[in-house]
Amino acid sequence: RYLAEVATGHQKKRAVEQPQKAHQEAFDTSKRKMQPTHPIRLGLALNLSVFYFEILNSPDKACQLAK
């Protein structure tokens, strides 16, 4: 995620795709295996929502995840 904040052009595209996939896979796994109130699941949701808000400039998706 942090590389995506400073990268440009083609490097930014790669720096966004890989972390997005990893964040999403981790969050999906947590949804299948953890209770909604589990601290790790909540942390993953928060990290993914920050990624959507700051990196992908998608505040609607970020807010949806945060809820």
PDB file of N, CA and C in Angstrom:
ATOM      1  N   ARG A   1       0.826  -1.195   0.000  1.00  0.00           N
ATOM      2  CA  ARG A   1       0.000   0.000   0.000  1.00  0.00           C
ATOM      3  C   ARG A   1       0.864   1.250   0.000  1.00  0.00           C
ATOM      4  N   TYR A   2       1.941   1.238   0.740  1.00  0.00           N
ATOM      5  CA  TYR A   2       2.753   2.448   0.866  1.00  0.00           C
ATOM      6  C   TYR A   2       3.472   2.788  -0.434  1.00  0.00           C
ATOM      7  N   LEU A   3       3.889   1.783  -1.191  1.00  0.00           N
ATOM      8  CA  LEU A   3       4.506   2.051  -2.487  1.00  0.00           C
ATOM      9  C   LEU A   3       3.507   2.713  -3.432  1.00  0.00           C
ATOM     10  N   ALA A   4       2.263   2.308  -3.353  1.00  0.00           N
ATOM     11  CA  ALA A   4       1.236   2.876  -4.223  1.00  0.00           C
ATOM     12  C   ALA A   4       1.029   4.361  -3.951  1.00  0.00           C
ATOM     13  N   GLU A   5       1.343   4.803  -2.751  1.00  0.00           N
ATOM     14  CA  GLU A   5       1.179   6.218  -2.414  1.00  0.00           C
ATOM     15  C   GLU A   5       2.194   7.103  -3.124  1.00  0.00           C
ATOM     16  N   VAL A   6       3.366   6.557  -3.453  1.00  0.00           N
ATOM     17  CA  VAL A   6       4.423   7.382  -4.043  1.00  0.00           C
ATOM     18  C   VAL A   6       4.765   7.004  -5.478  1.00  0.00           C
ATOM     19  N   ALA A   7       4.327   5.846  -5.944  1.00  0.00           N
ATOM     20  CA  ALA A   7       4.645   5.399  -7.295  1.00  0.00           C
ATOM     21  C   ALA A   7       3.848   6.190  -8.330  1.00  0.00           C
ATOM     22  N   THR A   8       4.352   6.167  -9.565  1.00  0.00           N
ATOM     23  CA  THR A   8       3.661   6.837 -10.667  1.00  0.00           C
ATOM     24  C   THR A   8       3.627   5.910 -11.881  1.00  0.00           C
ATOM     25  N   GLY A   9       2.720   6.210 -12.800  1.00  0.00           N
ATOM     26  CA  GLY A   9       2.646   5.489 -14.063  1.00  0.00           C
ATOM     27  C   GLY A   9       2.439   3.998 -13.909  1.00  0.00           C
ATOM     28  N   HIS A  10       3.215   3.253 -14.705  1.00  0.00           N
ATOM     29  CA  HIS A  10       3.097   1.791 -14.718  1.00  0.00           C
ATOM     30  C   HIS A  10       3.433   1.192 -13.355  1.00  0.00           C
ATOM     31  N   GLN A  11       4.397   1.771 -12.672  1.00  0.00           N
ATOM     32  CA  GLN A  11       4.766   1.273 -11.345  1.00  0.00           C
ATOM     33  C   GLN A  11       3.604   1.419 -10.365  1.00  0.00           C
ATOM     34  N   LYS A  12       2.851   2.499 -10.492  1.00  0.00           N
ATOM     35  CA  LYS A  12       1.707   2.698  -9.593  1.00  0.00           C
ATOM     36  C   LYS A  12       0.652   1.628  -9.836  1.00  0.00           C
ATOM     37  N   LYS A  13       0.416   1.317 -11.111  1.00  0.00           N
ATOM     38  CA  LYS A  13      -0.581   0.295 -11.432  1.00  0.00           C
ATOM     39  C   LYS A  13      -0.212  -1.031 -10.775  1.00  0.00           C
ATOM     40  N   ARG A  14       1.043  -1.426 -10.885  1.00  0.00           N
ATOM     41  CA  ARG A  14       1.502  -2.670 -10.260  1.00  0.00           C
ATOM     42  C   ARG A  14       1.462  -2.573  -8.742  1.00  0.00           C
ATOM     43  N   ALA A  15       1.811  -1.403  -8.221  1.00  0.00           N
ATOM     44  CA  ALA A  15       1.837  -1.208  -6.768  1.00  0.00           C
ATOM     45  C   ALA A  15       0.430  -1.196  -6.180  1.00  0.00           C
ATOM     46  N   VAL A  16      -0.575  -0.964  -6.996  1.00  0.00           N
ATOM     47  CA  VAL A  16      -1.965  -0.972  -6.535  1.00  0.00           C
ATOM     48  C   VAL A  16      -2.574  -2.369  -6.665  1.00  0.00           C
ATOM     49  N   GLU A  17      -2.323  -3.039  -7.786  1.00  0.00           N
ATOM     50  CA  GLU A  17      -2.971  -4.325  -8.050  1.00  0.00           C
ATOM     51  C   GLU A  17      -2.581  -5.404  -7.046  1.00  0.00           C
ATOM     52  N   GLN A  18      -1.302  -5.532  -6.766  1.00  0.00           N
ATOM     53  CA  GLN A  18      -0.849  -6.602  -5.875  1.00  0.00           C
ATOM     54  C   GLN A  18      -1.366  -6.437  -4.445  1.00  0.00           C
ATOM     55  N   PRO A  19      -1.229  -5.269  -3.832  1.00  0.00           N
ATOM     56  CA  PRO A  19      -1.770  -5.124  -2.473  1.00  0.00           C
ATOM     57  C   PRO A  19      -3.295  -5.236  -2.420  1.00  0.00           C
ATOM     58  N   GLN A  20      -3.963  -4.758  -3.452  1.00  0.00           N
ATOM     59  CA  GLN A  20      -5.421  -4.854  -3.460  1.00  0.00           C
ATOM     60  C   GLN A  20      -5.843  -6.321  -3.439  1.00  0.00           C
ATOM     61  N   LYS A  21      -5.189  -7.130  -4.245  1.00  0.00           N
ATOM     62  CA  LYS A  21      -5.514  -8.553  -4.281  1.00  0.00           C
ATOM     63  C   LYS A  21      -5.229  -9.202  -2.925  1.00  0.00           C
ATOM     64  N   ALA A  22      -4.089  -8.892  -2.338  1.00  0.00           N
ATOM     65  CA  ALA A  22      -3.722  -9.478  -1.043  1.00  0.00           C
ATOM     66  C   ALA A  22      -4.680  -9.039   0.065  1.00  0.00           C
ATOM     67  N   HIS A  23      -5.000  -7.744   0.098  1.00  0.00           N
ATOM     68  CA  HIS A  23      -5.942  -7.234   1.105  1.00  0.00           C
ATOM     69  C   HIS A  23      -7.300  -7.922   0.957  1.00  0.00           C
ATOM     70  N   GLN A  24      -7.778  -8.022  -0.282  1.00  0.00           N
ATOM     71  CA  GLN A  24      -9.102  -8.597  -0.520  1.00  0.00           C
ATOM     72  C   GLN A  24      -9.138 -10.071  -0.146  1.00  0.00           C
ATOM     73  N   GLU A  25      -8.092 -10.820  -0.505  1.00  0.00           N
ATOM     74  CA  GLU A  25      -8.045 -12.242  -0.159  1.00  0.00           C
ATOM     75  C   GLU A  25      -8.042 -12.441   1.355  1.00  0.00           C
ATOM     76  N   ALA A  26      -7.254 -11.644   2.052  1.00  0.00           N
ATOM     77  CA  ALA A  26      -7.192 -11.750   3.516  1.00  0.00           C
ATOM     78  C   ALA A  26      -8.548 -11.417   4.135  1.00  0.00           C
ATOM     79  N   PHE A  27      -9.186 -10.377   3.638  1.00  0.00           N
ATOM     80  CA  PHE A  27     -10.485  -9.986   4.182  1.00  0.00           C
ATOM     81  C   PHE A  27     -11.546 -11.047   3.891  1.00  0.00           C
ATOM     82  N   ASP A  28     -11.542 -11.589   2.680  1.00  0.00           N
ATOM     83  CA  ASP A  28     -12.504 -12.638   2.336  1.00  0.00           C
ATOM     84  C   ASP A  28     -12.320 -13.872   3.217  1.00  0.00           C
ATOM     85  N   THR A  29     -11.075 -14.244   3.468  1.00  0.00           N
ATOM     86  CA  THR A  29     -10.790 -15.379   4.349  1.00  0.00           C
ATOM     87  C   THR A  29     -11.290 -15.097   5.759  1.00  0.00           C
ATOM     88  N   SER A  30     -11.056 -13.888   6.229  1.00  0.00           N
ATOM     89  CA  SER A  30     -11.507 -13.538   7.585  1.00  0.00           C
ATOM     90  C   SER A  30     -13.030 -13.580   7.689  1.00  0.00           C
ATOM     91  N   LYS A  31     -13.727 -13.204   6.627  1.00  0.00           N
ATOM     92  CA  LYS A  31     -15.192 -13.249   6.656  1.00  0.00           C
ATOM     93  C   LYS A  31     -15.702 -14.685   6.746  1.00  0.00           C
ATOM     94  N   ARG A  32     -14.976 -15.609   6.124  1.00  0.00           N
ATOM     95  CA  ARG A  32     -15.390 -17.015   6.163  1.00  0.00           C
ATOM     96  C   ARG A  32     -15.061 -17.684   7.490  1.00  0.00           C
ATOM     97  N   LYS A  33     -13.970 -17.266   8.133  1.00  0.00           N
ATOM     98  CA  LYS A  33     -13.463 -18.024   9.272  1.00  0.00           C
ATOM     99  C   LYS A  33     -13.550 -17.313  10.617  1.00  0.00           C
ATOM    100  N   MET A  34     -13.933 -16.051  10.636  1.00  0.00           N
ATOM    101  CA  MET A  34     -13.947 -15.305  11.896  1.00  0.00           C
ATOM    102  C   MET A  34     -15.300 -14.647  12.129  1.00  0.00           C
ATOM    103  N   GLN A  35     -15.601 -14.446  13.393  1.00  0.00           N
ATOM    104  CA  GLN A  35     -16.811 -13.721  13.772  1.00  0.00           C
ATOM    105  C   GLN A  35     -16.676 -12.252  13.346  1.00  0.00           C
ATOM    106  N   PRO A  36     -17.795 -11.578  13.084  1.00  0.00           N
ATOM    107  CA  PRO A  36     -17.738 -10.170  12.672  1.00  0.00           C
ATOM    108  C   PRO A  36     -17.042  -9.251  13.677  1.00  0.00           C
ATOM    109  N   THR A  37     -17.010  -9.640  14.933  1.00  0.00           N
ATOM    110  CA  THR A  37     -16.399  -8.789  15.960  1.00  0.00           C
ATOM    111  C   THR A  37     -14.961  -9.187  16.303  1.00  0.00           C
ATOM    112  N   HIS A  38     -14.409 -10.150  15.584  1.00  0.00           N
ATOM    113  CA  HIS A  38     -13.036 -10.586  15.855  1.00  0.00           C
ATOM    114  C   HIS A  38     -12.075  -9.431  15.550  1.00  0.00           C
ATOM    115  N   PRO A  39     -11.148  -9.138  16.455  1.00  0.00           N
ATOM    116  CA  PRO A  39     -10.244  -7.995  16.266  1.00  0.00           C
ATOM    117  C   PRO A  39      -9.422  -8.050  14.977  1.00  0.00           C
ATOM    118  N   ILE A  40      -8.999  -9.232  14.574  1.00  0.00           N
ATOM    119  CA  ILE A  40      -8.217  -9.330  13.333  1.00  0.00           C
ATOM    120  C   ILE A  40      -9.098  -9.024  12.131  1.00  0.00           C
ATOM    121  N   ARG A  41     -10.313  -9.544  12.147  1.00  0.00           N
ATOM    122  CA  ARG A  41     -11.238  -9.257  11.033  1.00  0.00           C
ATOM    123  C   ARG A  41     -11.550  -7.761  10.960  1.00  0.00           C
ATOM    124  N   LEU A  42     -11.754  -7.145  12.106  1.00  0.00           N
ATOM    125  CA  LEU A  42     -12.013  -5.702  12.131  1.00  0.00           C
ATOM    126  C   LEU A  42     -10.808  -4.918  11.619  1.00  0.00           C
ATOM    127  N   GLY A  43      -9.606  -5.348  11.995  1.00  0.00           N
ATOM    128  CA  GLY A  43      -8.392  -4.684  11.520  1.00  0.00           C
ATOM    129  C   GLY A  43      -8.218  -4.816  10.019  1.00  0.00           C
ATOM    130  N   LEU A  44      -8.510  -5.996   9.488  1.00  0.00           N
ATOM    131  CA  LEU A  44      -8.424  -6.194   8.041  1.00  0.00           C
ATOM    132  C   LEU A  44      -9.433  -5.313   7.309  1.00  0.00           C
ATOM    133  N   ALA A  45     -10.633  -5.210   7.849  1.00  0.00           N
ATOM    134  CA  ALA A  45     -11.650  -4.353   7.237  1.00  0.00           C
ATOM    135  C   ALA A  45     -11.198  -2.898   7.243  1.00  0.00           C
ATOM    136  N   LEU A  46     -10.615  -2.473   8.342  1.00  0.00           N
ATOM    137  CA  LEU A  46     -10.126  -1.097   8.429  1.00  0.00           C
ATOM    138  C   LEU A  46      -9.002  -0.855   7.426  1.00  0.00           C
ATOM    139  N   ASN A  47      -8.038  -1.775   7.349  1.00  0.00           N
ATOM    140  CA  ASN A  47      -6.936  -1.617   6.401  1.00  0.00           C
ATOM    141  C   ASN A  47      -7.435  -1.572   4.963  1.00  0.00           C
ATOM    142  N   LEU A  48      -8.376  -2.443   4.636  1.00  0.00           N
ATOM    143  CA  LEU A  48      -8.910  -2.461   3.278  1.00  0.00           C
ATOM    144  C   LEU A  48      -9.688  -1.182   2.986  1.00  0.00           C
ATOM    145  N   SER A  49     -10.427  -0.684   3.953  1.00  0.00           N
ATOM    146  CA  SER A  49     -11.178   0.557   3.729  1.00  0.00           C
ATOM    147  C   SER A  49     -10.233   1.743   3.545  1.00  0.00           C
ATOM    148  N   VAL A  50      -9.136   1.777   4.283  1.00  0.00           N
ATOM    149  CA  VAL A  50      -8.135   2.837   4.098  1.00  0.00           C
ATOM    150  C   VAL A  50      -7.526   2.729   2.706  1.00  0.00           C
ATOM    151  N   PHE A  51      -7.254   1.512   2.249  1.00  0.00           N
ATOM    152  CA  PHE A  51      -6.709   1.299   0.908  1.00  0.00           C
ATOM    153  C   PHE A  51      -7.666   1.852  -0.148  1.00  0.00           C
ATOM    154  N   TYR A  52      -8.940   1.521  -0.024  1.00  0.00           N
ATOM    155  CA  TYR A  52      -9.920   2.028  -0.989  1.00  0.00           C
ATOM    156  C   TYR A  52     -10.020   3.552  -0.938  1.00  0.00           C
ATOM    157  N   PHE A  53      -9.982   4.115   0.242  1.00  0.00           N
ATOM    158  CA  PHE A  53     -10.137   5.562   0.388  1.00  0.00           C
ATOM    159  C   PHE A  53      -8.906   6.317  -0.106  1.00  0.00           C
ATOM    160  N   GLU A  54      -7.725   5.929   0.355  1.00  0.00           N
ATOM    161  CA  GLU A  54      -6.514   6.695   0.066  1.00  0.00           C
ATOM    162  C   GLU A  54      -5.864   6.349  -1.266  1.00  0.00           C
ATOM    163  N   ILE A  55      -5.870   5.094  -1.642  1.00  0.00           N
ATOM    164  CA  ILE A  55      -5.153   4.671  -2.841  1.00  0.00           C
ATOM    165  C   ILE A  55      -6.062   4.653  -4.065  1.00  0.00           C
ATOM    166  N   LEU A  56      -7.240   4.088  -3.931  1.00  0.00           N
ATOM    167  CA  LEU A  56      -8.146   3.966  -5.072  1.00  0.00           C
ATOM    168  C   LEU A  56      -9.114   5.134  -5.193  1.00  0.00           C
ATOM    169  N   ASN A  57      -9.052   6.064  -4.243  1.00  0.00           N
ATOM    170  CA  ASN A  57      -9.943   7.232  -4.254  1.00  0.00           C
ATOM    171  C   ASN A  57     -11.405   6.823  -4.414  1.00  0.00           C
ATOM    172  N   SER A  58     -11.800   5.848  -3.608  1.00  0.00           N
ATOM    173  CA  SER A  58     -13.163   5.332  -3.653  1.00  0.00           C
ATOM    174  C   SER A  58     -13.794   5.419  -2.263  1.00  0.00           C
ATOM    175  N   PRO A  59     -14.210   6.628  -1.869  1.00  0.00           N
ATOM    176  CA  PRO A  59     -14.753   6.790  -0.518  1.00  0.00           C
ATOM    177  C   PRO A  59     -16.037   5.998  -0.276  1.00  0.00           C
ATOM    178  N   ASP A  60     -16.854   5.810  -1.296  1.00  0.00           N
ATOM    179  CA  ASP A  60     -18.091   5.046  -1.111  1.00  0.00           C
ATOM    180  C   ASP A  60     -17.791   3.599  -0.728  1.00  0.00           C
ATOM    181  N   LYS A  61     -16.869   2.975  -1.445  1.00  0.00           N
ATOM    182  CA  LYS A  61     -16.483   1.594  -1.140  1.00  0.00           C
ATOM    183  C   LYS A  61     -15.808   1.527   0.229  1.00  0.00           C
ATOM    184  N   ALA A  62     -14.990   2.517   0.546  1.00  0.00           N
ATOM    185  CA  ALA A  62     -14.313   2.556   1.845  1.00  0.00           C
ATOM    186  C   ALA A  62     -15.329   2.631   2.981  1.00  0.00           C
ATOM    187  N   CYS A  63     -16.328   3.475   2.837  1.00  0.00           N
ATOM    188  CA  CYS A  63     -17.358   3.609   3.877  1.00  0.00           C
ATOM    189  C   CYS A  63     -18.195   2.343   3.996  1.00  0.00           C
ATOM    190  N   GLN A  64     -18.492   1.716   2.878  1.00  0.00           N
ATOM    191  CA  GLN A  64     -19.256   0.468   2.892  1.00  0.00           C
ATOM    192  C   GLN A  64     -18.497  -0.600   3.682  1.00  0.00           C
ATOM    193  N   LEU A  65     -17.204  -0.720   3.452  1.00  0.00           N
ATOM    194  CA  LEU A  65     -16.399  -1.698   4.188  1.00  0.00           C
ATOM    195  C   LEU A  65     -16.310  -1.349   5.663  1.00  0.00           C
ATOM    196  N   ALA A  66     -16.168  -0.089   5.960  1.00  0.00           N
ATOM    197  CA  ALA A  66     -16.019   0.340   7.352  1.00  0.00           C
ATOM    198  C   ALA A  66     -17.280   0.049   8.164  1.00  0.00           C
ATOM    199  N   LYS A  67     -18.425   0.072   7.513  1.00  0.00           N
ATOM    200  CA  LYS A  67     -19.683  -0.199   8.219  1.00  0.00           C
ATOM    201  C   LYS A  67     -19.783  -1.672   8.520  1.00  0.00           C
TER     202      LYS A  67
END
